[in-house]
Amino acid sequence: MGLRRTQRLTHRREIAAVYRKARAQRGQLVTVRALRTNLPVCRFGFAVGGPVGNAVVRNRVRRRLREIAGDISPAQGWDVMLSAQPGAARAGFQELRRAVGDALQRAGLQTER
């Protein structure tokens, strides 16, 4: 399915606001930061750093996270940053999907699977 442009955090100031104001819910595979907004959509941003692996691995993890974010339905009005941990490179797609769902639930976002 994928994410529409309106469902993505694309500007540096939006991403910085999430990092500055939101609390992190850390897991072994992914860290979730969620910030409440007044927007009618839930927007996602993705961070996959160097410790995850080389460029090929980081891009694969980013594509997987983007696909997972397009499939879930958290409550409207949130900006969410999904940051991959190094173990995400070795995890299978379903394992990564469960980790994201669990982290979103711990962050207080209701998800429909």
N, C-alpha and C. Protein backbone atom coordinates (compact mmCIF):
# COMPACT_ATOMS: atom_id res chain seq x y z
N MET A 1 0.83 -1.19 0.00
CA MET A 1 0.00 0.00 0.00
C MET A 1 0.87 1.25 0.00
N GLY A 2 1.74 1.40 0.99
CA GLY A 2 2.63 2.55 1.03
C GLY A 2 1.99 3.76 1.69
N LEU A 3 2.82 4.74 1.95
CA LEU A 3 2.36 5.97 2.58
C LEU A 3 2.21 7.07 1.55
N ARG A 4 1.13 7.83 1.66
CA ARG A 4 0.97 9.01 0.82
C ARG A 4 1.87 10.11 1.35
N ARG A 5 2.14 11.09 0.54
CA ARG A 5 3.00 12.19 0.94
C ARG A 5 2.47 12.91 2.18
N THR A 6 1.17 13.01 2.31
CA THR A 6 0.59 13.68 3.48
C THR A 6 0.76 12.87 4.75
N GLN A 7 1.18 11.63 4.64
CA GLN A 7 1.38 10.77 5.79
C GLN A 7 2.86 10.64 6.17
N ARG A 8 3.70 11.47 5.59
CA ARG A 8 5.13 11.39 5.88
C ARG A 8 5.64 12.69 6.49
N LEU A 9 6.57 12.56 7.41
CA LEU A 9 7.28 13.71 7.95
C LEU A 9 8.41 14.00 6.98
N THR A 10 8.37 15.14 6.33
CA THR A 10 9.34 15.43 5.28
C THR A 10 10.25 16.60 5.61
N HIS A 11 9.86 17.46 6.54
CA HIS A 11 10.65 18.65 6.84
C HIS A 11 11.47 18.46 8.10
N ARG A 12 12.66 18.97 8.07
CA ARG A 12 13.59 18.84 9.19
C ARG A 12 12.99 19.38 10.49
N ARG A 13 12.28 20.49 10.42
CA ARG A 13 11.71 21.09 11.64
C ARG A 13 10.63 20.20 12.26
N GLU A 14 9.88 19.47 11.43
CA GLU A 14 8.87 18.54 11.95
C GLU A 14 9.53 17.37 12.67
N ILE A 15 10.56 16.84 12.07
CA ILE A 15 11.28 15.71 12.66
C ILE A 15 11.98 16.15 13.95
N ALA A 16 12.59 17.33 13.93
CA ALA A 16 13.27 17.85 15.12
C ALA A 16 12.28 18.05 16.27
N ALA A 17 11.06 18.49 15.96
CA ALA A 17 10.05 18.69 17.00
C ALA A 17 9.69 17.36 17.67
N VAL A 18 9.59 16.30 16.88
CA VAL A 18 9.27 14.98 17.45
C VAL A 18 10.41 14.53 18.37
N TYR A 19 11.65 14.68 17.92
CA TYR A 19 12.79 14.28 18.76
C TYR A 19 12.89 15.13 20.02
N ARG A 20 12.56 16.41 19.91
CA ARG A 20 12.69 17.32 21.04
C ARG A 20 11.59 17.13 22.08
N LYS A 21 10.36 16.88 21.65
CA LYS A 21 9.21 16.91 22.56
C LYS A 21 8.65 15.55 22.94
N ALA A 22 8.90 14.52 22.15
CA ALA A 22 8.26 13.22 22.38
C ALA A 22 9.14 12.31 23.23
N ARG A 23 8.49 11.44 23.99
CA ARG A 23 9.20 10.42 24.76
C ARG A 23 9.43 9.21 23.87
N ALA A 24 10.55 8.54 24.09
CA ALA A 24 10.92 7.39 23.28
C ALA A 24 10.46 6.10 23.95
N GLN A 25 9.94 5.19 23.14
CA GLN A 25 9.60 3.83 23.57
C GLN A 25 10.58 2.91 22.85
N ARG A 26 11.59 2.44 23.58
CA ARG A 26 12.64 1.65 22.96
C ARG A 26 12.32 0.16 23.00
N GLY A 27 12.63 -0.49 21.90
CA GLY A 27 12.54 -1.94 21.81
C GLY A 27 13.86 -2.46 21.27
N GLN A 28 13.95 -3.77 21.12
CA GLN A 28 15.19 -4.34 20.61
C GLN A 28 15.40 -4.04 19.13
N LEU A 29 14.30 -3.89 18.37
CA LEU A 29 14.42 -3.68 16.93
C LEU A 29 14.10 -2.27 16.49
N VAL A 30 13.25 -1.58 17.24
CA VAL A 30 12.81 -0.25 16.80
C VAL A 30 12.51 0.63 18.01
N THR A 31 12.76 1.92 17.84
CA THR A 31 12.40 2.93 18.83
C THR A 31 11.31 3.80 18.22
N VAL A 32 10.25 4.06 18.99
CA VAL A 32 9.14 4.87 18.52
C VAL A 32 9.07 6.14 19.35
N ARG A 33 8.95 7.27 18.67
CA ARG A 33 8.70 8.55 19.32
C ARG A 33 7.41 9.09 18.70
N ALA A 34 6.45 9.45 19.55
CA ALA A 34 5.16 9.92 19.05
C ALA A 34 4.82 11.26 19.70
N LEU A 35 4.41 12.21 18.87
CA LEU A 35 4.06 13.55 19.31
C LEU A 35 2.64 13.87 18.85
N ARG A 36 1.80 14.29 19.77
CA ARG A 36 0.40 14.63 19.47
C ARG A 36 0.35 15.91 18.64
N THR A 37 -0.46 15.90 17.58
CA THR A 37 -0.67 17.08 16.74
C THR A 37 -2.17 17.29 16.56
N ASN A 38 -2.54 18.36 15.92
CA ASN A 38 -3.95 18.63 15.64
C ASN A 38 -4.31 18.31 14.19
N LEU A 39 -3.50 17.53 13.53
CA LEU A 39 -3.74 17.21 12.12
C LEU A 39 -4.70 16.04 11.98
N PRO A 40 -5.43 15.97 10.88
CA PRO A 40 -6.39 14.87 10.69
C PRO A 40 -5.76 13.57 10.22
N VAL A 41 -4.43 13.50 10.14
CA VAL A 41 -3.74 12.29 9.71
C VAL A 41 -2.64 11.95 10.70
N CYS A 42 -2.14 10.75 10.60
CA CYS A 42 -0.96 10.32 11.36
C CYS A 42 0.20 10.33 10.38
N ARG A 43 1.28 11.04 10.72
CA ARG A 43 2.43 11.14 9.82
C ARG A 43 3.62 10.38 10.40
N PHE A 44 4.39 9.75 9.52
CA PHE A 44 5.52 8.93 9.93
C PHE A 44 6.82 9.47 9.35
N GLY A 45 7.88 9.32 10.13
CA GLY A 45 9.24 9.58 9.68
C GLY A 45 10.08 8.37 10.03
N PHE A 46 11.18 8.18 9.33
CA PHE A 46 12.01 6.99 9.51
C PHE A 46 13.47 7.38 9.67
N ALA A 47 14.14 6.77 10.64
CA ALA A 47 15.56 7.00 10.85
C ALA A 47 16.25 5.65 10.93
N VAL A 48 17.19 5.44 10.02
CA VAL A 48 17.96 4.20 10.00
C VAL A 48 19.42 4.60 9.87
N GLY A 49 20.15 4.53 10.97
CA GLY A 49 21.52 5.02 11.02
C GLY A 49 22.56 3.99 10.64
N GLY A 50 23.79 4.45 10.61
CA GLY A 50 24.94 3.63 10.22
C GLY A 50 25.12 2.34 10.99
N PRO A 51 24.86 2.30 12.31
CA PRO A 51 25.06 1.04 13.03
C PRO A 51 24.16 -0.11 12.55
N VAL A 52 23.10 0.21 11.81
CA VAL A 52 22.21 -0.84 11.30
C VAL A 52 22.92 -1.65 10.22
N GLY A 53 23.75 -1.01 9.42
CA GLY A 53 24.46 -1.72 8.36
C GLY A 53 24.87 -0.77 7.26
N ASN A 54 25.32 -1.34 6.15
CA ASN A 54 25.72 -0.50 5.02
C ASN A 54 24.49 0.08 4.32
N ALA A 55 24.68 0.84 3.27
CA ALA A 55 23.58 1.55 2.61
C ALA A 55 22.50 0.60 2.09
N VAL A 56 22.90 -0.53 1.56
CA VAL A 56 21.93 -1.49 1.04
C VAL A 56 21.03 -2.00 2.17
N VAL A 57 21.63 -2.34 3.28
CA VAL A 57 20.88 -2.86 4.43
C VAL A 57 19.98 -1.77 5.01
N ARG A 58 20.52 -0.56 5.18
CA ARG A 58 19.72 0.54 5.73
C ARG A 58 18.51 0.84 4.86
N ASN A 59 18.69 0.85 3.54
CA ASN A 59 17.57 1.12 2.64
C ASN A 59 16.53 0.00 2.70
N ARG A 60 16.96 -1.25 2.84
CA ARG A 60 16.01 -2.35 2.95
C ARG A 60 15.19 -2.21 4.23
N VAL A 61 15.85 -1.89 5.33
CA VAL A 61 15.14 -1.71 6.60
C VAL A 61 14.17 -0.54 6.49
N ARG A 62 14.59 0.55 5.88
CA ARG A 62 13.72 1.73 5.70
C ARG A 62 12.49 1.37 4.85
N ARG A 63 12.69 0.62 3.78
CA ARG A 63 11.55 0.20 2.94
C ARG A 63 10.58 -0.67 3.72
N ARG A 64 11.13 -1.57 4.54
CA ARG A 64 10.27 -2.43 5.36
C ARG A 64 9.47 -1.60 6.36
N LEU A 65 10.13 -0.66 7.03
CA LEU A 65 9.43 0.19 7.99
C LEU A 65 8.34 1.01 7.30
N ARG A 66 8.63 1.51 6.12
CA ARG A 66 7.64 2.30 5.37
C ARG A 66 6.43 1.43 5.00
N GLU A 67 6.67 0.20 4.60
CA GLU A 67 5.59 -0.71 4.26
C GLU A 67 4.75 -1.03 5.49
N ILE A 68 5.39 -1.28 6.62
CA ILE A 68 4.68 -1.57 7.86
C ILE A 68 3.84 -0.38 8.28
N ALA A 69 4.40 0.82 8.19
CA ALA A 69 3.67 2.03 8.58
C ALA A 69 2.44 2.24 7.69
N GLY A 70 2.53 1.86 6.42
CA GLY A 70 1.39 1.99 5.52
C GLY A 70 0.28 1.02 5.82
N ASP A 71 0.61 -0.10 6.47
CA ASP A 71 -0.39 -1.13 6.77
C ASP A 71 -1.11 -0.93 8.09
N ILE A 72 -0.49 -0.20 9.02
CA ILE A 72 -1.11 -0.02 10.33
C ILE A 72 -1.96 1.24 10.34
N SER A 73 -2.86 1.33 11.30
CA SER A 73 -3.76 2.47 11.40
C SER A 73 -3.77 3.04 12.81
N PRO A 74 -2.75 3.80 13.19
CA PRO A 74 -2.82 4.41 14.51
C PRO A 74 -3.84 5.54 14.55
N ALA A 75 -4.14 6.01 15.72
CA ALA A 75 -5.09 7.11 15.87
C ALA A 75 -4.61 8.32 15.09
N GLN A 76 -5.53 9.12 14.62
CA GLN A 76 -5.18 10.32 13.87
C GLN A 76 -4.59 11.36 14.80
N GLY A 77 -3.82 12.28 14.22
CA GLY A 77 -3.29 13.39 14.98
C GLY A 77 -1.99 13.11 15.70
N TRP A 78 -1.14 12.26 15.11
CA TRP A 78 0.17 11.96 15.71
C TRP A 78 1.26 12.11 14.67
N ASP A 79 2.41 12.60 15.09
CA ASP A 79 3.64 12.53 14.30
C ASP A 79 4.49 11.46 14.95
N VAL A 80 4.90 10.46 14.18
CA VAL A 80 5.60 9.29 14.71
C VAL A 80 6.93 9.12 13.99
N MET A 81 8.00 9.00 14.77
CA MET A 81 9.31 8.66 14.21
C MET A 81 9.62 7.22 14.57
N LEU A 82 9.96 6.43 13.57
CA LEU A 82 10.39 5.05 13.77
C LEU A 82 11.90 5.01 13.51
N SER A 83 12.66 4.66 14.54
CA SER A 83 14.12 4.58 14.43
C SER A 83 14.54 3.13 14.57
N ALA A 84 15.24 2.63 13.56
CA ALA A 84 15.68 1.23 13.58
C ALA A 84 16.88 1.06 14.49
N GLN A 85 16.89 -0.04 15.23
CA GLN A 85 18.02 -0.44 16.05
C GLN A 85 18.86 -1.43 15.22
N PRO A 86 20.11 -1.65 15.59
CA PRO A 86 20.97 -2.54 14.79
C PRO A 86 20.38 -3.93 14.54
N GLY A 87 19.61 -4.47 15.48
CA GLY A 87 19.03 -5.80 15.29
C GLY A 87 17.98 -5.86 14.19
N ALA A 88 17.47 -4.72 13.75
CA ALA A 88 16.44 -4.69 12.71
C ALA A 88 16.96 -5.24 11.39
N ALA A 89 18.25 -5.15 11.16
CA ALA A 89 18.83 -5.65 9.91
C ALA A 89 18.74 -7.17 9.81
N ARG A 90 18.81 -7.85 10.94
CA ARG A 90 18.77 -9.32 10.94
C ARG A 90 17.35 -9.86 11.11
N ALA A 91 16.41 -9.01 11.46
CA ALA A 91 15.05 -9.46 11.72
C ALA A 91 14.29 -9.69 10.42
N GLY A 92 13.39 -10.65 10.44
CA GLY A 92 12.52 -10.87 9.32
C GLY A 92 11.40 -9.83 9.30
N PHE A 93 10.67 -9.79 8.19
CA PHE A 93 9.63 -8.78 8.03
C PHE A 93 8.55 -8.90 9.11
N GLN A 94 8.07 -10.11 9.36
CA GLN A 94 7.02 -10.30 10.36
C GLN A 94 7.49 -9.95 11.76
N GLU A 95 8.73 -10.28 12.07
CA GLU A 95 9.29 -9.95 13.38
C GLU A 95 9.38 -8.43 13.55
N LEU A 96 9.78 -7.73 12.49
CA LEU A 96 9.86 -6.28 12.53
C LEU A 96 8.47 -5.66 12.65
N ARG A 97 7.49 -6.25 11.96
CA ARG A 97 6.10 -5.77 12.06
C ARG A 97 5.58 -5.90 13.49
N ARG A 98 5.85 -7.04 14.13
CA ARG A 98 5.42 -7.22 15.53
C ARG A 98 6.10 -6.21 16.45
N ALA A 99 7.39 -5.97 16.22
CA ALA A 99 8.13 -5.03 17.06
C ALA A 99 7.58 -3.62 16.93
N VAL A 100 7.23 -3.20 15.72
CA VAL A 100 6.65 -1.87 15.52
C VAL A 100 5.28 -1.79 16.19
N GLY A 101 4.44 -2.81 16.01
CA GLY A 101 3.12 -2.83 16.65
C GLY A 101 3.20 -2.77 18.16
N ASP A 102 4.12 -3.54 18.73
CA ASP A 102 4.30 -3.52 20.19
C ASP A 102 4.77 -2.16 20.68
N ALA A 103 5.72 -1.57 19.96
CA ALA A 103 6.24 -0.26 20.37
C ALA A 103 5.17 0.82 20.26
N LEU A 104 4.33 0.76 19.23
CA LEU A 104 3.25 1.74 19.09
C LEU A 104 2.23 1.59 20.21
N GLN A 105 1.95 0.36 20.60
CA GLN A 105 1.03 0.15 21.72
C GLN A 105 1.61 0.67 23.02
N ARG A 106 2.91 0.45 23.25
CA ARG A 106 3.55 0.99 24.45
C ARG A 106 3.55 2.51 24.45
N ALA A 107 3.60 3.12 23.26
CA ALA A 107 3.60 4.58 23.15
C ALA A 107 2.20 5.16 23.34
N GLY A 108 1.19 4.28 23.44
CA GLY A 108 -0.17 4.76 23.66
C GLY A 108 -0.97 4.99 22.40
N LEU A 109 -0.49 4.50 21.28
CA LEU A 109 -1.23 4.63 20.02
C LEU A 109 -2.01 3.34 19.79
N GLN A 110 -3.26 3.48 19.51
CA GLN A 110 -4.09 2.31 19.22
C GLN A 110 -3.84 1.88 17.80
N THR A 111 -3.54 0.62 17.60
CA THR A 111 -3.33 0.13 16.23
C THR A 111 -4.38 -0.92 15.91
N GLU A 112 -4.77 -0.94 14.64
CA GLU A 112 -5.68 -1.96 14.14
C GLU A 112 -4.88 -2.82 13.20
N ARG A 113 -4.83 -4.10 13.48
CA ARG A 113 -4.04 -4.99 12.61
C ARG A 113 -4.94 -5.78 11.72
